[in-house]
Amino acid sequence: MKITYTPCGTCSRLMEFEIDDTEARRVHNLKVTKGCMGNLQGIAALVEGMPAAEVVSRLRGIMCGNKGTSCPDQLATAIEQTLQGQND
């Protein structure tokens, strides 16, 4: 399933990714518009093929300065909402 998510409180403006239909619900093809491109490309490479629940567990709560969130935290939110059926 392809997901499009608009992050809140970050420099990035759009996150697009897929979650497959396997039991592990793995993350694929993360692309982020705007933000710190080198860091976001690195995150995309690291989460490729990782179980969605593990991505949430690892990225939830990471902060960027005093923003109260970050691109990784927003990705965790997007995946969590998808797993709960809120982004369908």
PDB file of N, CA and C in Angstrom:
ATOM      1  N   MET A   1       0.838  -1.158   0.000  1.00  0.00           N
ATOM      2  CA  MET A   1       0.000   0.000   0.000  1.00  0.00           C
ATOM      3  C   MET A   1       0.897   1.239   0.000  1.00  0.00           C
ATOM      4  N   LYS A   2       0.573   2.202  -0.860  1.00  0.00           N
ATOM      5  CA  LYS A   2       1.344   3.432  -0.940  1.00  0.00           C
ATOM      6  C   LYS A   2       0.731   4.473  -0.009  1.00  0.00           C
ATOM      7  N   ILE A   3       1.596   5.119   0.772  1.00  0.00           N
ATOM      8  CA  ILE A   3       1.166   6.102   1.762  1.00  0.00           C
ATOM      9  C   ILE A   3       1.754   7.461   1.407  1.00  0.00           C
ATOM     10  N   THR A   4       0.942   8.491   1.520  1.00  0.00           N
ATOM     11  CA  THR A   4       1.389   9.867   1.384  1.00  0.00           C
ATOM     12  C   THR A   4       1.028  10.565   2.691  1.00  0.00           C
ATOM     13  N   TYR A   5       2.022  11.216   3.307  1.00  0.00           N
ATOM     14  CA  TYR A   5       1.827  11.833   4.622  1.00  0.00           C
ATOM     15  C   TYR A   5       2.431  13.224   4.614  1.00  0.00           C
ATOM     16  N   THR A   6       1.700  14.187   5.165  1.00  0.00           N
ATOM     17  CA  THR A   6       2.201  15.555   5.310  1.00  0.00           C
ATOM     18  C   THR A   6       2.668  15.742   6.747  1.00  0.00           C
ATOM     19  N   PRO A   7       3.987  15.863   6.957  1.00  0.00           N
ATOM     20  CA  PRO A   7       4.511  16.009   8.314  1.00  0.00           C
ATOM     21  C   PRO A   7       4.164  17.378   8.908  1.00  0.00           C
ATOM     22  N   CYS A   8       4.116  17.441  10.205  1.00  0.00           N
ATOM     23  CA  CYS A   8       3.841  18.683  10.930  1.00  0.00           C
ATOM     24  C   CYS A   8       5.049  19.051  11.787  1.00  0.00           C
ATOM     25  N   GLY A   9       5.446  20.328  11.748  1.00  0.00           N
ATOM     26  CA  GLY A   9       6.502  20.820  12.635  1.00  0.00           C
ATOM     27  C   GLY A   9       7.911  20.517  12.177  1.00  0.00           C
ATOM     28  N   THR A  10       8.082  20.143  10.913  1.00  0.00           N
ATOM     29  CA  THR A  10       9.419  19.839  10.399  1.00  0.00           C
ATOM     30  C   THR A  10       9.681  20.606   9.111  1.00  0.00           C
ATOM     31  N   CYS A  11      10.917  20.583   8.669  1.00  0.00           N
ATOM     32  CA  CYS A  11      11.292  21.214   7.397  1.00  0.00           C
ATOM     33  C   CYS A  11      10.791  20.412   6.203  1.00  0.00           C
ATOM     34  N   SER A  12      10.642  19.120   6.372  1.00  0.00           N
ATOM     35  CA  SER A  12      10.138  18.296   5.262  1.00  0.00           C
ATOM     36  C   SER A  12       8.662  18.617   5.040  1.00  0.00           C
ATOM     37  N   ARG A  13       8.221  18.468   3.796  1.00  0.00           N
ATOM     38  CA  ARG A  13       6.861  18.841   3.428  1.00  0.00           C
ATOM     39  C   ARG A  13       5.984  17.663   3.018  1.00  0.00           C
ATOM     40  N   LEU A  14       6.592  16.558   2.639  1.00  0.00           N
ATOM     41  CA  LEU A  14       5.817  15.413   2.192  1.00  0.00           C
ATOM     42  C   LEU A  14       6.637  14.145   2.364  1.00  0.00           C
ATOM     43  N   MET A  15       6.000  13.086   2.827  1.00  0.00           N
ATOM     44  CA  MET A  15       6.634  11.775   2.937  1.00  0.00           C
ATOM     45  C   MET A  15       5.787  10.784   2.155  1.00  0.00           C
ATOM     46  N   GLU A  16       6.443  10.006   1.314  1.00  0.00           N
ATOM     47  CA  GLU A  16       5.773   8.969   0.544  1.00  0.00           C
ATOM     48  C   GLU A  16       6.534   7.666   0.764  1.00  0.00           C
ATOM     49  N   PHE A  17       5.803   6.606   1.015  1.00  0.00           N
ATOM     50  CA  PHE A  17       6.425   5.300   1.230  1.00  0.00           C
ATOM     51  C   PHE A  17       5.390   4.223   0.995  1.00  0.00           C
ATOM     52  N   GLU A  18       5.853   3.002   0.982  1.00  0.00           N
ATOM     53  CA  GLU A  18       4.970   1.852   0.824  1.00  0.00           C
ATOM     54  C   GLU A  18       5.152   0.921   2.011  1.00  0.00           C
ATOM     55  N   ILE A  19       4.086   0.248   2.362  1.00  0.00           N
ATOM     56  CA  ILE A  19       4.142  -0.824   3.358  1.00  0.00           C
ATOM     57  C   ILE A  19       3.572  -2.057   2.661  1.00  0.00           C
ATOM     58  N   ASP A  20       4.360  -3.120   2.639  1.00  0.00           N
ATOM     59  CA  ASP A  20       3.916  -4.315   1.919  1.00  0.00           C
ATOM     60  C   ASP A  20       2.874  -5.092   2.721  1.00  0.00           C
ATOM     61  N   ASP A  21       2.322  -6.111   2.089  1.00  0.00           N
ATOM     62  CA  ASP A  21       1.242  -6.896   2.686  1.00  0.00           C
ATOM     63  C   ASP A  21       1.721  -8.130   3.430  1.00  0.00           C
ATOM     64  N   THR A  22       3.034  -8.256   3.638  1.00  0.00           N
ATOM     65  CA  THR A  22       3.545  -9.407   4.375  1.00  0.00           C
ATOM     66  C   THR A  22       3.178  -9.276   5.846  1.00  0.00           C
ATOM     67  N   GLU A  23       3.372 -10.343   6.584  1.00  0.00           N
ATOM     68  CA  GLU A  23       3.068 -10.326   8.013  1.00  0.00           C
ATOM     69  C   GLU A  23       3.880  -9.262   8.743  1.00  0.00           C
ATOM     70  N   ALA A  24       5.124  -9.059   8.332  1.00  0.00           N
ATOM     71  CA  ALA A  24       5.995  -8.077   8.991  1.00  0.00           C
ATOM     72  C   ALA A  24       5.639  -6.645   8.610  1.00  0.00           C
ATOM     73  N   ARG A  25       4.854  -6.469   7.505  1.00  0.00           N
ATOM     74  CA  ARG A  25       4.477  -5.133   7.040  1.00  0.00           C
ATOM     75  C   ARG A  25       5.722  -4.260   6.899  1.00  0.00           C
ATOM     76  N   ARG A  26       6.562  -4.588   5.961  1.00  0.00           N
ATOM     77  CA  ARG A  26       7.843  -3.911   5.760  1.00  0.00           C
ATOM     78  C   ARG A  26       7.701  -2.605   4.990  1.00  0.00           C
ATOM     79  N   VAL A  27       8.590  -1.662   5.316  1.00  0.00           N
ATOM     80  CA  VAL A  27       8.605  -0.331   4.705  1.00  0.00           C
ATOM     81  C   VAL A  27       9.494  -0.363   3.462  1.00  0.00           C
ATOM     82  N   HIS A  28       9.024   0.300   2.392  1.00  0.00           N
ATOM     83  CA  HIS A  28       9.781   0.369   1.144  1.00  0.00           C
ATOM     84  C   HIS A  28       9.638   1.748   0.498  1.00  0.00           C
ATOM     85  N   ASN A  29      10.641   2.115  -0.270  1.00  0.00           N
ATOM     86  CA  ASN A  29      10.599   3.270  -1.181  1.00  0.00           C
ATOM     87  C   ASN A  29      10.261   4.593  -0.506  1.00  0.00           C
ATOM     88  N   LEU A  30      10.869   4.856   0.655  1.00  0.00           N
ATOM     89  CA  LEU A  30      10.646   6.130   1.328  1.00  0.00           C
ATOM     90  C   LEU A  30      11.258   7.263   0.524  1.00  0.00           C
ATOM     91  N   LYS A  31      10.440   8.278   0.257  1.00  0.00           N
ATOM     92  CA  LYS A  31      10.893   9.490  -0.401  1.00  0.00           C
ATOM     93  C   LYS A  31      10.348  10.670   0.389  1.00  0.00           C
ATOM     94  N   VAL A  32      11.215  11.635   0.678  1.00  0.00           N
ATOM     95  CA  VAL A  32      10.816  12.807   1.460  1.00  0.00           C
ATOM     96  C   VAL A  32      11.099  14.057   0.649  1.00  0.00           C
ATOM     97  N   THR A  33      10.138  14.972   0.607  1.00  0.00           N
ATOM     98  CA  THR A  33      10.278  16.239  -0.093  1.00  0.00           C
ATOM     99  C   THR A  33      10.675  17.308   0.909  1.00  0.00           C
ATOM    100  N   LYS A  34      11.723  18.041   0.557  1.00  0.00           N
ATOM    101  CA  LYS A  34      12.325  19.101   1.398  1.00  0.00           C
ATOM    102  C   LYS A  34      13.000  18.461   2.613  1.00  0.00           C
ATOM    103  N   GLY A  35      13.527  19.288   3.499  1.00  0.00           N
ATOM    104  CA  GLY A  35      14.222  18.795   4.679  1.00  0.00           C
ATOM    105  C   GLY A  35      15.705  18.604   4.409  1.00  0.00           C
ATOM    106  N   CYS A  36      16.396  17.966   5.298  1.00  0.00           N
ATOM    107  CA  CYS A  36      17.838  17.716   5.215  1.00  0.00           C
ATOM    108  C   CYS A  36      18.066  16.484   4.332  1.00  0.00           C
ATOM    109  N   MET A  37      18.266  16.714   3.066  1.00  0.00           N
ATOM    110  CA  MET A  37      18.274  15.625   2.083  1.00  0.00           C
ATOM    111  C   MET A  37      19.275  14.516   2.375  1.00  0.00           C
ATOM    112  N   GLY A  38      20.481  14.852   2.763  1.00  0.00           N
ATOM    113  CA  GLY A  38      21.455  13.798   3.055  1.00  0.00           C
ATOM    114  C   GLY A  38      20.984  12.907   4.190  1.00  0.00           C
ATOM    115  N   ASN A  39      20.514  13.515   5.265  1.00  0.00           N
ATOM    116  CA  ASN A  39      20.023  12.733   6.404  1.00  0.00           C
ATOM    117  C   ASN A  39      18.801  11.905   6.029  1.00  0.00           C
ATOM    118  N   LEU A  40      17.903  12.507   5.273  1.00  0.00           N
ATOM    119  CA  LEU A  40      16.676  11.793   4.911  1.00  0.00           C
ATOM    120  C   LEU A  40      16.946  10.661   3.933  1.00  0.00           C
ATOM    121  N   GLN A  41      17.908  10.832   3.043  1.00  0.00           N
ATOM    122  CA  GLN A  41      18.279   9.731   2.149  1.00  0.00           C
ATOM    123  C   GLN A  41      18.900   8.594   2.962  1.00  0.00           C
ATOM    124  N   GLY A  42      19.673   8.957   3.977  1.00  0.00           N
ATOM    125  CA  GLY A  42      20.253   7.942   4.856  1.00  0.00           C
ATOM    126  C   GLY A  42      19.187   7.187   5.621  1.00  0.00           C
ATOM    127  N   ILE A  43      18.196   7.900   6.143  1.00  0.00           N
ATOM    128  CA  ILE A  43      17.098   7.252   6.857  1.00  0.00           C
ATOM    129  C   ILE A  43      16.344   6.319   5.913  1.00  0.00           C
ATOM    130  N   ALA A  44      16.074   6.794   4.686  1.00  0.00           N
ATOM    131  CA  ALA A  44      15.365   5.970   3.704  1.00  0.00           C
ATOM    132  C   ALA A  44      16.126   4.676   3.435  1.00  0.00           C
ATOM    133  N   ALA A  45      17.442   4.769   3.307  1.00  0.00           N
ATOM    134  CA  ALA A  45      18.250   3.569   3.059  1.00  0.00           C
ATOM    135  C   ALA A  45      18.221   2.627   4.263  1.00  0.00           C
ATOM    136  N   LEU A  46      18.237   3.186   5.461  1.00  0.00           N
ATOM    137  CA  LEU A  46      18.256   2.356   6.661  1.00  0.00           C
ATOM    138  C   LEU A  46      16.926   1.656   6.923  1.00  0.00           C
ATOM    139  N   VAL A  47      15.812   2.307   6.626  1.00  0.00           N
ATOM    140  CA  VAL A  47      14.513   1.692   6.914  1.00  0.00           C
ATOM    141  C   VAL A  47      14.018   0.788   5.788  1.00  0.00           C
ATOM    142  N   GLU A  48      14.665   0.822   4.629  1.00  0.00           N
ATOM    143  CA  GLU A  48      14.243  -0.004   3.491  1.00  0.00           C
ATOM    144  C   GLU A  48      14.171  -1.480   3.884  1.00  0.00           C
ATOM    145  N   GLY A  49      12.987  -2.060   3.768  1.00  0.00           N
ATOM    146  CA  GLY A  49      12.792  -3.471   4.072  1.00  0.00           C
ATOM    147  C   GLY A  49      12.630  -3.792   5.547  1.00  0.00           C
ATOM    148  N   MET A  50      12.690  -2.791   6.411  1.00  0.00           N
ATOM    149  CA  MET A  50      12.560  -3.008   7.849  1.00  0.00           C
ATOM    150  C   MET A  50      11.076  -3.165   8.214  1.00  0.00           C
ATOM    151  N   PRO A  51      10.771  -4.046   9.159  1.00  0.00           N
ATOM    152  CA  PRO A  51       9.384  -4.151   9.611  1.00  0.00           C
ATOM    153  C   PRO A  51       8.882  -2.801  10.130  1.00  0.00           C
ATOM    154  N   ALA A  52       7.664  -2.442   9.742  1.00  0.00           N
ATOM    155  CA  ALA A  52       7.110  -1.137  10.084  1.00  0.00           C
ATOM    156  C   ALA A  52       7.111  -0.881  11.591  1.00  0.00           C
ATOM    157  N   ALA A  53       6.748  -1.873  12.377  1.00  0.00           N
ATOM    158  CA  ALA A  53       6.707  -1.703  13.828  1.00  0.00           C
ATOM    159  C   ALA A  53       8.095  -1.403  14.398  1.00  0.00           C
ATOM    160  N   GLU A  54       9.114  -1.992  13.804  1.00  0.00           N
ATOM    161  CA  GLU A  54      10.480  -1.718  14.256  1.00  0.00           C
ATOM    162  C   GLU A  54      10.895  -0.297  13.913  1.00  0.00           C
ATOM    163  N   VAL A  55      10.508   0.196  12.730  1.00  0.00           N
ATOM    164  CA  VAL A  55      10.804   1.585  12.362  1.00  0.00           C
ATOM    165  C   VAL A  55      10.180   2.518  13.385  1.00  0.00           C
ATOM    166  N   VAL A  56       8.921   2.295  13.729  1.00  0.00           N
ATOM    167  CA  VAL A  56       8.242   3.127  14.720  1.00  0.00           C
ATOM    168  C   VAL A  56       8.992   3.080  16.043  1.00  0.00           C
ATOM    169  N   SER A  57       9.341   1.897  16.485  1.00  0.00           N
ATOM    170  CA  SER A  57      10.037   1.725  17.761  1.00  0.00           C
ATOM    171  C   SER A  57      11.370   2.469  17.805  1.00  0.00           C
ATOM    172  N   ARG A  58      12.101   2.450  16.709  1.00  0.00           N
ATOM    173  CA  ARG A  58      13.422   3.081  16.675  1.00  0.00           C
ATOM    174  C   ARG A  58      13.365   4.603  16.497  1.00  0.00           C
ATOM    175  N   LEU A  59      12.347   5.104  15.768  1.00  0.00           N
ATOM    176  CA  LEU A  59      12.332   6.520  15.413  1.00  0.00           C
ATOM    177  C   LEU A  59      11.427   7.379  16.287  1.00  0.00           C
ATOM    178  N   ARG A  60      10.459   6.763  16.953  1.00  0.00           N
ATOM    179  CA  ARG A  60       9.531   7.507  17.790  1.00  0.00           C
ATOM    180  C   ARG A  60      10.289   8.289  18.868  1.00  0.00           C
ATOM    181  N   GLY A  61      10.003   9.583  18.994  1.00  0.00           N
ATOM    182  CA  GLY A  61      10.573  10.392  20.067  1.00  0.00           C
ATOM    183  C   GLY A  61      11.868  11.106  19.728  1.00  0.00           C
ATOM    184  N   ILE A  62      12.430  10.885  18.553  1.00  0.00           N
ATOM    185  CA  ILE A  62      13.640  11.619  18.162  1.00  0.00           C
ATOM    186  C   ILE A  62      13.250  13.073  17.917  1.00  0.00           C
ATOM    187  N   MET A  63      13.985  13.995  18.497  1.00  0.00           N
ATOM    188  CA  MET A  63      13.672  15.417  18.389  1.00  0.00           C
ATOM    189  C   MET A  63      14.717  16.151  17.549  1.00  0.00           C
ATOM    190  N   CYS A  64      14.276  17.212  16.889  1.00  0.00           N
ATOM    191  CA  CYS A  64      15.153  18.091  16.103  1.00  0.00           C
ATOM    192  C   CYS A  64      15.125  19.462  16.773  1.00  0.00           C
ATOM    193  N   GLY A  65      16.200  19.805  17.463  1.00  0.00           N
ATOM    194  CA  GLY A  65      16.243  21.090  18.170  1.00  0.00           C
ATOM    195  C   GLY A  65      15.100  21.181  19.166  1.00  0.00           C
ATOM    196  N   ASN A  66      14.437  22.340  19.172  1.00  0.00           N
ATOM    197  CA  ASN A  66      13.335  22.542  20.116  1.00  0.00           C
ATOM    198  C   ASN A  66      11.972  22.457  19.429  1.00  0.00           C
ATOM    199  N   LYS A  67      11.909  21.752  18.299  1.00  0.00           N
ATOM    200  CA  LYS A  67      10.675  21.657  17.516  1.00  0.00           C
ATOM    201  C   LYS A  67       9.630  20.745  18.160  1.00  0.00           C
ATOM    202  N   GLY A  68      10.035  19.868  19.044  1.00  0.00           N
ATOM    203  CA  GLY A  68       9.098  18.926  19.642  1.00  0.00           C
ATOM    204  C   GLY A  68       8.826  17.709  18.776  1.00  0.00           C
ATOM    205  N   THR A  69       9.498  17.623  17.643  1.00  0.00           N
ATOM    206  CA  THR A  69       9.371  16.498  16.725  1.00  0.00           C
ATOM    207  C   THR A  69      10.584  16.510  15.803  1.00  0.00           C
ATOM    208  N   SER A  70      10.589  15.657  14.807  1.00  0.00           N
ATOM    209  CA  SER A  70      11.660  15.601  13.806  1.00  0.00           C
ATOM    210  C   SER A  70      11.126  14.837  12.603  1.00  0.00           C
ATOM    211  N   CYS A  71      11.875  14.822  11.538  1.00  0.00           N
ATOM    212  CA  CYS A  71      11.467  14.016  10.380  1.00  0.00           C
ATOM    213  C   CYS A  71      11.365  12.531  10.748  1.00  0.00           C
ATOM    214  N   PRO A  72      12.341  11.968  11.479  1.00  0.00           N
ATOM    215  CA  PRO A  72      12.191  10.565  11.875  1.00  0.00           C
ATOM    216  C   PRO A  72      10.952  10.332  12.753  1.00  0.00           C
ATOM    217  N   ASP A  73      10.686  11.238  13.681  1.00  0.00           N
ATOM    218  CA  ASP A  73       9.515  11.124  14.541  1.00  0.00           C
ATOM    219  C   ASP A  73       8.231  11.225  13.726  1.00  0.00           C
ATOM    220  N   GLN A  74       8.199  12.098  12.739  1.00  0.00           N
ATOM    221  CA  GLN A  74       7.033  12.229  11.874  1.00  0.00           C
ATOM    222  C   GLN A  74       6.837  10.985  11.008  1.00  0.00           C
ATOM    223  N   LEU A  75       7.935  10.376  10.558  1.00  0.00           N
ATOM    224  CA  LEU A  75       7.830   9.120   9.826  1.00  0.00           C
ATOM    225  C   LEU A  75       7.225   8.045  10.729  1.00  0.00           C
ATOM    226  N   ALA A  76       7.665   7.991  11.977  1.00  0.00           N
ATOM    227  CA  ALA A  76       7.100   7.035  12.933  1.00  0.00           C
ATOM    228  C   ALA A  76       5.604   7.276  13.099  1.00  0.00           C
ATOM    229  N   THR A  77       5.189   8.527  13.176  1.00  0.00           N
ATOM    230  CA  THR A  77       3.770   8.867  13.300  1.00  0.00           C
ATOM    231  C   THR A  77       2.992   8.385  12.081  1.00  0.00           C
ATOM    232  N   ALA A  78       3.539   8.646  10.888  1.00  0.00           N
ATOM    233  CA  ALA A  78       2.871   8.235   9.649  1.00  0.00           C
ATOM    234  C   ALA A  78       2.706   6.719   9.594  1.00  0.00           C
ATOM    235  N   ILE A  79       3.752   5.997   9.946  1.00  0.00           N
ATOM    236  CA  ILE A  79       3.693   4.526   9.910  1.00  0.00           C
ATOM    237  C   ILE A  79       2.725   4.022  10.968  1.00  0.00           C
ATOM    238  N   GLU A  80       2.793   4.586  12.153  1.00  0.00           N
ATOM    239  CA  GLU A  80       1.900   4.170  13.244  1.00  0.00           C
ATOM    240  C   GLU A  80       0.432   4.382  12.849  1.00  0.00           C
ATOM    241  N   GLN A  81       0.124   5.535  12.258  1.00  0.00           N
ATOM    242  CA  GLN A  81      -1.240   5.804  11.814  1.00  0.00           C
ATOM    243  C   GLN A  81      -1.671   4.798  10.746  1.00  0.00           C
ATOM    244  N   THR A  82      -0.749   4.471   9.851  1.00  0.00           N
ATOM    245  CA  THR A  82      -1.060   3.493   8.812  1.00  0.00           C
ATOM    246  C   THR A  82      -1.346   2.122   9.415  1.00  0.00           C
ATOM    247  N   LEU A  83      -0.528   1.701  10.356  1.00  0.00           N
ATOM    248  CA  LEU A  83      -0.733   0.398  10.997  1.00  0.00           C
ATOM    249  C   LEU A  83      -2.052   0.343  11.766  1.00  0.00           C
ATOM    250  N   GLN A  84      -2.501   1.509  12.240  1.00  0.00           N
ATOM    251  CA  GLN A  84      -3.777   1.591  12.971  1.00  0.00           C
ATOM    252  C   GLN A  84      -4.956   1.839  12.035  1.00  0.00           C
ATOM    253  N   GLY A  85      -4.667   1.920  10.711  1.00  0.00           N
ATOM    254  CA  GLY A  85      -5.716   2.089   9.731  1.00  0.00           C
ATOM    255  C   GLY A  85      -6.191   3.510   9.530  1.00  0.00           C
ATOM    256  N   GLN A  86      -5.445   4.498  10.020  1.00  0.00           N
ATOM    257  CA  GLN A  86      -5.868   5.882   9.924  1.00  0.00           C
ATOM    258  C   GLN A  86      -5.443   6.565   8.637  1.00  0.00           C
ATOM    259  N   ASN A  87      -4.498   5.992   7.869  1.00  0.00           N
ATOM    260  CA  ASN A  87      -4.020   6.618   6.635  1.00  0.00           C
ATOM    261  C   ASN A  87      -4.519   5.883   5.403  1.00  0.00           C
ATOM    262  N   ASP A  88      -5.458   4.987   5.540  1.00  0.00           N
ATOM    263  CA  ASP A  88      -5.937   4.201   4.393  1.00  0.00           C
ATOM    264  C   ASP A  88      -6.752   5.071   3.457  1.00  0.00           C
TER     265      ASP A  88
END
